[in-house]
Amino acid sequence: MQYLCNYQTDIRRMIGVLQHWQVLLAPACAASVTEVTLADVLAVIEALQQTFGPTAPLEAIIQQLVEQDLREQVEGRRQVRRELAAAVA
C-alpha cells in the first residue's frame, strides 16, 4: 500500500528523504562514525544496483528482500526445532 507524503515544497521533500536516510543508515555505520554521509548512501545504492540492476523498481526490490527475509526466518525456526528435537532425543 502506498502512502502519499504531502511535502509542501521540493526542499521539504529532500529534507525528509535525507532525514530518513540519516536514521536508517546510522546503525550500519562503524562505531567511530558519528555522521552518515552521502558516501554511505551511495554505497547502499551501488550494492542495490549491483544486486538488482539500475532500473529495478523499488517495489520489486522490497518484495524480493521481504521474501528472502521470510525464507531465512522460516529456516531459522526449522533449525531451532531440529536442535530442540535432537536435544530431547
PDB file of N, CA and C in Angstrom:
ATOM      1  N   MET A   1       0.836  -1.170   0.000  1.00  0.00           N
ATOM      2  CA  MET A   1       0.000   0.000   0.000  1.00  0.00           C
ATOM      3  C   MET A   1       0.886   1.239   0.000  1.00  0.00           C
ATOM      4  N   GLN A   2       0.619   2.139  -0.869  1.00  0.00           N
ATOM      5  CA  GLN A   2       1.395   3.354  -0.990  1.00  0.00           C
ATOM      6  C   GLN A   2       0.820   4.434  -0.073  1.00  0.00           C
ATOM      7  N   TYR A   3       1.689   5.166   0.584  1.00  0.00           N
ATOM      8  CA  TYR A   3       1.277   6.294   1.397  1.00  0.00           C
ATOM      9  C   TYR A   3       1.849   7.556   0.760  1.00  0.00           C
ATOM     10  N   LEU A   4       1.025   8.533   0.569  1.00  0.00           N
ATOM     11  CA  LEU A   4       1.483   9.775  -0.016  1.00  0.00           C
ATOM     12  C   LEU A   4       2.015  10.697   1.065  1.00  0.00           C
ATOM     13  N   CYS A   5       3.186  11.232   0.819  1.00  0.00           N
ATOM     14  CA  CYS A   5       3.760  12.231   1.721  1.00  0.00           C
ATOM     15  C   CYS A   5       3.439  13.587   1.138  1.00  0.00           C
ATOM     16  N   ASN A   6       2.811  14.410   1.902  1.00  0.00           N
ATOM     17  CA  ASN A   6       2.414  15.725   1.424  1.00  0.00           C
ATOM     18  C   ASN A   6       3.423  16.776   1.854  1.00  0.00           C
ATOM     19  N   TYR A   7       4.553  16.783   1.143  1.00  0.00           N
ATOM     20  CA  TYR A   7       5.538  17.829   1.387  1.00  0.00           C
ATOM     21  C   TYR A   7       5.100  19.047   0.590  1.00  0.00           C
ATOM     22  N   GLN A   8       5.211  20.198   1.205  1.00  0.00           N
ATOM     23  CA  GLN A   8       4.733  21.411   0.559  1.00  0.00           C
ATOM     24  C   GLN A   8       5.704  21.940  -0.485  1.00  0.00           C
ATOM     25  N   THR A   9       6.974  21.596  -0.358  1.00  0.00           N
ATOM     26  CA  THR A   9       7.963  22.073  -1.325  1.00  0.00           C
ATOM     27  C   THR A   9       8.963  20.962  -1.619  1.00  0.00           C
ATOM     28  N   ASP A  10       9.703  21.123  -2.706  1.00  0.00           N
ATOM     29  CA  ASP A  10      10.747  20.155  -3.040  1.00  0.00           C
ATOM     30  C   ASP A  10      11.845  20.135  -1.991  1.00  0.00           C
ATOM     31  N   ILE A  11      12.144  21.302  -1.419  1.00  0.00           N
ATOM     32  CA  ILE A  11      13.169  21.369  -0.381  1.00  0.00           C
ATOM     33  C   ILE A  11      12.740  20.555   0.833  1.00  0.00           C
ATOM     34  N   ARG A  12      11.485  20.678   1.238  1.00  0.00           N
ATOM     35  CA  ARG A  12      10.995  19.910   2.389  1.00  0.00           C
ATOM     36  C   ARG A  12      10.991  18.410   2.092  1.00  0.00           C
ATOM     37  N   ARG A  13      10.681  18.056   0.864  1.00  0.00           N
ATOM     38  CA  ARG A  13      10.728  16.642   0.473  1.00  0.00           C
ATOM     39  C   ARG A  13      12.161  16.125   0.582  1.00  0.00           C
ATOM     40  N   MET A  14      13.129  16.903   0.102  1.00  0.00           N
ATOM     41  CA  MET A  14      14.536  16.493   0.171  1.00  0.00           C
ATOM     42  C   MET A  14      14.997  16.403   1.619  1.00  0.00           C
ATOM     43  N   ILE A  15      14.590  17.344   2.453  1.00  0.00           N
ATOM     44  CA  ILE A  15      14.926  17.282   3.878  1.00  0.00           C
ATOM     45  C   ILE A  15      14.378  15.983   4.472  1.00  0.00           C
ATOM     46  N   GLY A  16      13.142  15.639   4.149  1.00  0.00           N
ATOM     47  CA  GLY A  16      12.539  14.400   4.651  1.00  0.00           C
ATOM     48  C   GLY A  16      13.301  13.171   4.205  1.00  0.00           C
ATOM     49  N   VAL A  17      13.693  13.133   2.938  1.00  0.00           N
ATOM     50  CA  VAL A  17      14.462  11.999   2.415  1.00  0.00           C
ATOM     51  C   VAL A  17      15.788  11.878   3.148  1.00  0.00           C
ATOM     52  N   LEU A  18      16.494  12.987   3.286  1.00  0.00           N
ATOM     53  CA  LEU A  18      17.789  12.972   3.966  1.00  0.00           C
ATOM     54  C   LEU A  18      17.657  12.556   5.429  1.00  0.00           C
ATOM     55  N   GLN A  19      16.623  13.012   6.097  1.00  0.00           N
ATOM     56  CA  GLN A  19      16.416  12.619   7.496  1.00  0.00           C
ATOM     57  C   GLN A  19      16.136  11.128   7.616  1.00  0.00           C
ATOM     58  N   HIS A  20      15.356  10.584   6.691  1.00  0.00           N
ATOM     59  CA  HIS A  20      15.092   9.140   6.711  1.00  0.00           C
ATOM     60  C   HIS A  20      16.382   8.360   6.486  1.00  0.00           C
ATOM     61  N   TRP A  21      17.175   8.764   5.513  1.00  0.00           N
ATOM     62  CA  TRP A  21      18.451   8.095   5.264  1.00  0.00           C
ATOM     63  C   TRP A  21      19.340   8.158   6.499  1.00  0.00           C
ATOM     64  N   GLN A  22      19.383   9.324   7.126  1.00  0.00           N
ATOM     65  CA  GLN A  22      20.227   9.505   8.303  1.00  0.00           C
ATOM     66  C   GLN A  22      19.840   8.520   9.403  1.00  0.00           C
ATOM     67  N   VAL A  23      18.564   8.396   9.660  1.00  0.00           N
ATOM     68  CA  VAL A  23      18.085   7.490  10.710  1.00  0.00           C
ATOM     69  C   VAL A  23      18.334   6.035  10.324  1.00  0.00           C
ATOM     70  N   LEU A  24      18.033   5.688   9.085  1.00  0.00           N
ATOM     71  CA  LEU A  24      18.141   4.301   8.663  1.00  0.00           C
ATOM     72  C   LEU A  24      19.574   3.816   8.526  1.00  0.00           C
ATOM     73  N   LEU A  25      20.478   4.687   8.127  1.00  0.00           N
ATOM     74  CA  LEU A  25      21.856   4.266   7.909  1.00  0.00           C
ATOM     75  C   LEU A  25      22.747   4.413   9.129  1.00  0.00           C
ATOM     76  N   ALA A  26      22.346   5.176  10.113  1.00  0.00           N
ATOM     77  CA  ALA A  26      23.197   5.404  11.281  1.00  0.00           C
ATOM     78  C   ALA A  26      23.642   4.111  11.958  1.00  0.00           C
ATOM     79  N   PRO A  27      22.764   3.132  12.207  1.00  0.00           N
ATOM     80  CA  PRO A  27      23.223   1.903  12.874  1.00  0.00           C
ATOM     81  C   PRO A  27      24.202   1.094  12.030  1.00  0.00           C
ATOM     82  N   ALA A  28      24.144   1.237  10.712  1.00  0.00           N
ATOM     83  CA  ALA A  28      25.013   0.461   9.837  1.00  0.00           C
ATOM     84  C   ALA A  28      26.428   1.018   9.787  1.00  0.00           C
ATOM     85  N   CYS A  29      26.619   2.223  10.240  1.00  0.00           N
ATOM     86  CA  CYS A  29      27.942   2.848  10.205  1.00  0.00           C
ATOM     87  C   CYS A  29      28.812   2.295  11.323  1.00  0.00           C
ATOM     88  N   ALA A  30      30.106   2.362  11.124  1.00  0.00           N
ATOM     89  CA  ALA A  30      31.048   1.906  12.148  1.00  0.00           C
ATOM     90  C   ALA A  30      30.883   2.744  13.410  1.00  0.00           C
ATOM     91  N   ALA A  31      31.276   2.179  14.530  1.00  0.00           N
ATOM     92  CA  ALA A  31      31.102   2.859  15.813  1.00  0.00           C
ATOM     93  C   ALA A  31      31.829   4.195  15.851  1.00  0.00           C
ATOM     94  N   SER A  32      32.924   4.313  15.117  1.00  0.00           N
ATOM     95  CA  SER A  32      33.685   5.557  15.146  1.00  0.00           C
ATOM     96  C   SER A  32      33.062   6.638  14.260  1.00  0.00           C
ATOM     97  N   VAL A  33      32.122   6.260  13.405  1.00  0.00           N
ATOM     98  CA  VAL A  33      31.486   7.225  12.509  1.00  0.00           C
ATOM     99  C   VAL A  33      30.305   7.849  13.234  1.00  0.00           C
ATOM    100  N   THR A  34      30.315   9.159  13.318  1.00  0.00           N
ATOM    101  CA  THR A  34      29.238   9.837  14.032  1.00  0.00           C
ATOM    102  C   THR A  34      28.206  10.427  13.094  1.00  0.00           C
ATOM    103  N   GLU A  35      28.554  10.564  11.813  1.00  0.00           N
ATOM    104  CA  GLU A  35      27.630  11.160  10.876  1.00  0.00           C
ATOM    105  C   GLU A  35      27.474  10.266   9.654  1.00  0.00           C
ATOM    106  N   VAL A  36      26.267  10.191   9.145  1.00  0.00           N
ATOM    107  CA  VAL A  36      26.012   9.494   7.893  1.00  0.00           C
ATOM    108  C   VAL A  36      26.334  10.460   6.763  1.00  0.00           C
ATOM    109  N   THR A  37      27.040   9.974   5.757  1.00  0.00           N
ATOM    110  CA  THR A  37      27.436  10.826   4.643  1.00  0.00           C
ATOM    111  C   THR A  37      26.764  10.360   3.360  1.00  0.00           C
ATOM    112  N   LEU A  38      26.892  11.178   2.333  1.00  0.00           N
ATOM    113  CA  LEU A  38      26.380  10.770   1.020  1.00  0.00           C
ATOM    114  C   LEU A  38      27.125   9.538   0.502  1.00  0.00           C
ATOM    115  N   ALA A  39      28.376   9.357   0.923  1.00  0.00           N
ATOM    116  CA  ALA A  39      29.125   8.158   0.550  1.00  0.00           C
ATOM    117  C   ALA A  39      28.445   6.906   1.116  1.00  0.00           C
ATOM    118  N   ASP A  40      27.899   6.998   2.326  1.00  0.00           N
ATOM    119  CA  ASP A  40      27.166   5.876   2.917  1.00  0.00           C
ATOM    120  C   ASP A  40      25.920   5.556   2.086  1.00  0.00           C
ATOM    121  N   VAL A  41      25.208   6.593   1.694  1.00  0.00           N
ATOM    122  CA  VAL A  41      24.013   6.425   0.871  1.00  0.00           C
ATOM    123  C   VAL A  41      24.399   5.812  -0.469  1.00  0.00           C
ATOM    124  N   LEU A  42      25.452   6.315  -1.068  1.00  0.00           N
ATOM    125  CA  LEU A  42      25.907   5.818  -2.362  1.00  0.00           C
ATOM    126  C   LEU A  42      26.309   4.348  -2.280  1.00  0.00           C
ATOM    127  N   ALA A  43      26.940   3.955  -1.192  1.00  0.00           N
ATOM    128  CA  ALA A  43      27.337   2.547  -1.026  1.00  0.00           C
ATOM    129  C   ALA A  43      26.112   1.640  -1.021  1.00  0.00           C
ATOM    130  N   VAL A  44      25.059   2.063  -0.351  1.00  0.00           N
ATOM    131  CA  VAL A  44      23.821   1.270  -0.331  1.00  0.00           C
ATOM    132  C   VAL A  44      23.230   1.200  -1.736  1.00  0.00           C
ATOM    133  N   ILE A  45      23.175   2.335  -2.404  1.00  0.00           N
ATOM    134  CA  ILE A  45      22.603   2.371  -3.757  1.00  0.00           C
ATOM    135  C   ILE A  45      23.416   1.509  -4.708  1.00  0.00           C
ATOM    136  N   GLU A  46      24.732   1.587  -4.642  1.00  0.00           N
ATOM    137  CA  GLU A  46      25.578   0.777  -5.524  1.00  0.00           C
ATOM    138  C   GLU A  46      25.388  -0.712  -5.268  1.00  0.00           C
ATOM    139  N   ALA A  47      25.261  -1.096  -4.002  1.00  0.00           N
ATOM    140  CA  ALA A  47      25.031  -2.507  -3.677  1.00  0.00           C
ATOM    141  C   ALA A  47      23.685  -2.978  -4.230  1.00  0.00           C
ATOM    142  N   LEU A  48      22.659  -2.138  -4.112  1.00  0.00           N
ATOM    143  CA  LEU A  48      21.346  -2.489  -4.650  1.00  0.00           C
ATOM    144  C   LEU A  48      21.384  -2.578  -6.166  1.00  0.00           C
ATOM    145  N   GLN A  49      22.074  -1.649  -6.814  1.00  0.00           N
ATOM    146  CA  GLN A  49      22.179  -1.681  -8.267  1.00  0.00           C
ATOM    147  C   GLN A  49      22.924  -2.914  -8.741  1.00  0.00           C
ATOM    148  N   GLN A  50      23.957  -3.294  -8.036  1.00  0.00           N
ATOM    149  CA  GLN A  50      24.724  -4.475  -8.411  1.00  0.00           C
ATOM    150  C   GLN A  50      23.881  -5.738  -8.262  1.00  0.00           C
ATOM    151  N   THR A  51      23.078  -5.789  -7.222  1.00  0.00           N
ATOM    152  CA  THR A  51      22.268  -6.972  -6.957  1.00  0.00           C
ATOM    153  C   THR A  51      21.031  -7.035  -7.843  1.00  0.00           C
ATOM    154  N   PHE A  52      20.344  -5.924  -8.007  1.00  0.00           N
ATOM    155  CA  PHE A  52      19.041  -5.931  -8.670  1.00  0.00           C
ATOM    156  C   PHE A  52      19.021  -5.233 -10.025  1.00  0.00           C
ATOM    157  N   GLY A  53      20.070  -4.506 -10.351  1.00  0.00           N
ATOM    158  CA  GLY A  53      20.111  -3.761 -11.601  1.00  0.00           C
ATOM    159  C   GLY A  53      19.652  -2.334 -11.401  1.00  0.00           C
ATOM    160  N   PRO A  54      20.169  -1.419 -12.220  1.00  0.00           N
ATOM    161  CA  PRO A  54      19.897   0.003 -12.019  1.00  0.00           C
ATOM    162  C   PRO A  54      18.470   0.432 -12.345  1.00  0.00           C
ATOM    163  N   THR A  55      17.730  -0.393 -13.066  1.00  0.00           N
ATOM    164  CA  THR A  55      16.368   0.014 -13.439  1.00  0.00           C
ATOM    165  C   THR A  55      15.290  -0.756 -12.692  1.00  0.00           C
ATOM    166  N   ALA A  56      15.682  -1.550 -11.700  1.00  0.00           N
ATOM    167  CA  ALA A  56      14.701  -2.332 -10.939  1.00  0.00           C
ATOM    168  C   ALA A  56      13.792  -1.398 -10.149  1.00  0.00           C
ATOM    169  N   PRO A  57      12.480  -1.613 -10.229  1.00  0.00           N
ATOM    170  CA  PRO A  57      11.557  -0.795  -9.430  1.00  0.00           C
ATOM    171  C   PRO A  57      11.773  -1.057  -7.935  1.00  0.00           C
ATOM    172  N   LEU A  58      11.676  -0.013  -7.142  1.00  0.00           N
ATOM    173  CA  LEU A  58      11.880  -0.169  -5.698  1.00  0.00           C
ATOM    174  C   LEU A  58      10.918  -1.186  -5.104  1.00  0.00           C
ATOM    175  N   GLU A  59       9.674  -1.196  -5.560  1.00  0.00           N
ATOM    176  CA  GLU A  59       8.694  -2.144  -5.020  1.00  0.00           C
ATOM    177  C   GLU A  59       9.125  -3.586  -5.282  1.00  0.00           C
ATOM    178  N   ALA A  60       9.690  -3.850  -6.452  1.00  0.00           N
ATOM    179  CA  ALA A  60      10.168  -5.204  -6.756  1.00  0.00           C
ATOM    180  C   ALA A  60      11.330  -5.584  -5.844  1.00  0.00           C
ATOM    181  N   ILE A  61      12.222  -4.643  -5.586  1.00  0.00           N
ATOM    182  CA  ILE A  61      13.352  -4.907  -4.687  1.00  0.00           C
ATOM    183  C   ILE A  61      12.841  -5.194  -3.283  1.00  0.00           C
ATOM    184  N   ILE A  62      11.908  -4.390  -2.816  1.00  0.00           N
ATOM    185  CA  ILE A  62      11.333  -4.581  -1.481  1.00  0.00           C
ATOM    186  C   ILE A  62      10.698  -5.959  -1.373  1.00  0.00           C
ATOM    187  N   GLN A  63       9.919  -6.344  -2.372  1.00  0.00           N
ATOM    188  CA  GLN A  63       9.253  -7.656  -2.337  1.00  0.00           C
ATOM    189  C   GLN A  63      10.263  -8.791  -2.319  1.00  0.00           C
ATOM    190  N   GLN A  64      11.322  -8.675  -3.106  1.00  0.00           N
ATOM    191  CA  GLN A  64      12.339  -9.727  -3.117  1.00  0.00           C
ATOM    192  C   GLN A  64      13.053  -9.824  -1.773  1.00  0.00           C
ATOM    193  N   LEU A  65      13.352  -8.679  -1.171  1.00  0.00           N
ATOM    194  CA  LEU A  65      14.027  -8.688   0.124  1.00  0.00           C
ATOM    195  C   LEU A  65      13.123  -9.237   1.225  1.00  0.00           C
ATOM    196  N   VAL A  66      11.844  -8.893   1.191  1.00  0.00           N
ATOM    197  CA  VAL A  66      10.898  -9.432   2.173  1.00  0.00           C
ATOM    198  C   VAL A  66      10.802 -10.948   2.013  1.00  0.00           C
ATOM    199  N   GLU A  67      10.722 -11.408   0.774  1.00  0.00           N
ATOM    200  CA  GLU A  67      10.664 -12.855   0.520  1.00  0.00           C
ATOM    201  C   GLU A  67      11.904 -13.556   1.063  1.00  0.00           C
ATOM    202  N   GLN A  68      13.076 -12.985   0.810  1.00  0.00           N
ATOM    203  CA  GLN A  68      14.323 -13.564   1.310  1.00  0.00           C
ATOM    204  C   GLN A  68      14.333 -13.585   2.837  1.00  0.00           C
ATOM    205  N   ASP A  69      13.909 -12.493   3.462  1.00  0.00           N
ATOM    206  CA  ASP A  69      13.888 -12.412   4.911  1.00  0.00           C
ATOM    207  C   ASP A  69      12.949 -13.459   5.509  1.00  0.00           C
ATOM    208  N   LEU A  70      11.781 -13.617   4.908  1.00  0.00           N
ATOM    209  CA  LEU A  70      10.839 -14.615   5.413  1.00  0.00           C
ATOM    210  C   LEU A  70      11.397 -16.027   5.280  1.00  0.00           C
ATOM    211  N   ARG A  71      12.052 -16.321   4.151  1.00  0.00           N
ATOM    212  CA  ARG A  71      12.676 -17.639   3.982  1.00  0.00           C
ATOM    213  C   ARG A  71      13.714 -17.888   5.064  1.00  0.00           C
ATOM    214  N   GLU A  72      14.525 -16.872   5.346  1.00  0.00           N
ATOM    215  CA  GLU A  72      15.559 -17.014   6.373  1.00  0.00           C
ATOM    216  C   GLU A  72      14.943 -17.211   7.755  1.00  0.00           C
ATOM    217  N   GLN A  73      13.849 -16.516   8.049  1.00  0.00           N
ATOM    218  CA  GLN A  73      13.177 -16.696   9.334  1.00  0.00           C
ATOM    219  C   GLN A  73      12.630 -18.111   9.480  1.00  0.00           C
ATOM    220  N   VAL A  74      11.987 -18.599   8.421  1.00  0.00           N
ATOM    221  CA  VAL A  74      11.426 -19.955   8.454  1.00  0.00           C
ATOM    222  C   VAL A  74      12.536 -20.976   8.632  1.00  0.00           C
ATOM    223  N   GLU A  75      13.627 -20.826   7.908  1.00  0.00           N
ATOM    224  CA  GLU A  75      14.741 -21.760   8.033  1.00  0.00           C
ATOM    225  C   GLU A  75      15.356 -21.693   9.430  1.00  0.00           C
ATOM    226  N   GLY A  76      15.451 -20.493  10.000  1.00  0.00           N
ATOM    227  CA  GLY A  76      15.972 -20.360  11.360  1.00  0.00           C
ATOM    228  C   GLY A  76      15.093 -21.076  12.366  1.00  0.00           C
ATOM    229  N   ARG A  77      13.796 -20.959  12.205  1.00  0.00           N
ATOM    230  CA  ARG A  77      12.878 -21.651  13.111  1.00  0.00           C
ATOM    231  C   ARG A  77      12.978 -23.166  12.949  1.00  0.00           C
ATOM    232  N   ARG A  78      13.113 -23.618  11.722  1.00  0.00           N
ATOM    233  CA  ARG A  78      13.270 -25.061  11.485  1.00  0.00           C
ATOM    234  C   ARG A  78      14.543 -25.574  12.136  1.00  0.00           C
ATOM    235  N   GLN A  79      15.608 -24.791  12.045  1.00  0.00           N
ATOM    236  CA  GLN A  79      16.876 -25.187  12.650  1.00  0.00           C
ATOM    237  C   GLN A  79      16.734 -25.289  14.170  1.00  0.00           C
ATOM    238  N   VAL A  80      16.050 -24.338  14.777  1.00  0.00           N
ATOM    239  CA  VAL A  80      15.838 -24.376  16.228  1.00  0.00           C
ATOM    240  C   VAL A  80      15.036 -25.618  16.598  1.00  0.00           C
ATOM    241  N   ARG A  81      13.998 -25.922  15.838  1.00  0.00           N
ATOM    242  CA  ARG A  81      13.191 -27.120  16.114  1.00  0.00           C
ATOM    243  C   ARG A  81      14.031 -28.379  16.005  1.00  0.00           C
ATOM    244  N   ARG A  82      14.903 -28.445  14.971  1.00  0.00           N
ATOM    245  CA  ARG A  82      15.759 -29.627  14.817  1.00  0.00           C
ATOM    246  C   ARG A  82      16.693 -29.757  16.007  1.00  0.00           C
ATOM    247  N   GLU A  83      17.255 -28.637  16.446  1.00  0.00           N
ATOM    248  CA  GLU A  83      18.176 -28.675  17.585  1.00  0.00           C
ATOM    249  C   GLU A  83      17.456 -29.086  18.866  1.00  0.00           C
ATOM    250  N   LEU A  84      16.236 -28.573  19.059  1.00  0.00           N
ATOM    251  CA  LEU A  84      15.469 -28.961  20.235  1.00  0.00           C
ATOM    252  C   LEU A  84      15.097 -30.432  20.196  1.00  0.00           C
ATOM    253  N   ALA A  85      14.697 -30.909  19.028  1.00  0.00           N
ATOM    254  CA  ALA A  85      14.352 -32.322  18.883  1.00  0.00           C
ATOM    255  C   ALA A  85      15.562 -33.201  19.150  1.00  0.00           C
ATOM    256  N   ALA A  86      16.717 -32.794  18.684  1.00  0.00           N
ATOM    257  CA  ALA A  86      17.942 -33.569  18.911  1.00  0.00           C
ATOM    258  C   ALA A  86      18.319 -33.558  20.389  1.00  0.00           C
ATOM    259  N   ALA A  87      18.098 -32.438  21.064  1.00  0.00           N
ATOM    260  CA  ALA A  87      18.427 -32.347  22.491  1.00  0.00           C
ATOM    261  C   ALA A  87      17.511 -33.210  23.333  1.00  0.00           C
ATOM    262  N   VAL A  88      16.247 -33.323  22.907  1.00  0.00           N
ATOM    263  CA  VAL A  88      15.273 -34.118  23.654  1.00  0.00           C
ATOM    264  C   VAL A  88      15.506 -35.613  23.416  1.00  0.00           C
ATOM    265  N   ALA A  89      15.944 -35.974  22.230  1.00  0.00           N
ATOM    266  CA  ALA A  89      16.121 -37.383  21.881  1.00  0.00           C
ATOM    267  C   ALA A  89      17.294 -38.025  22.544  1.00  0.00           C
TER     268      ALA A  89
END
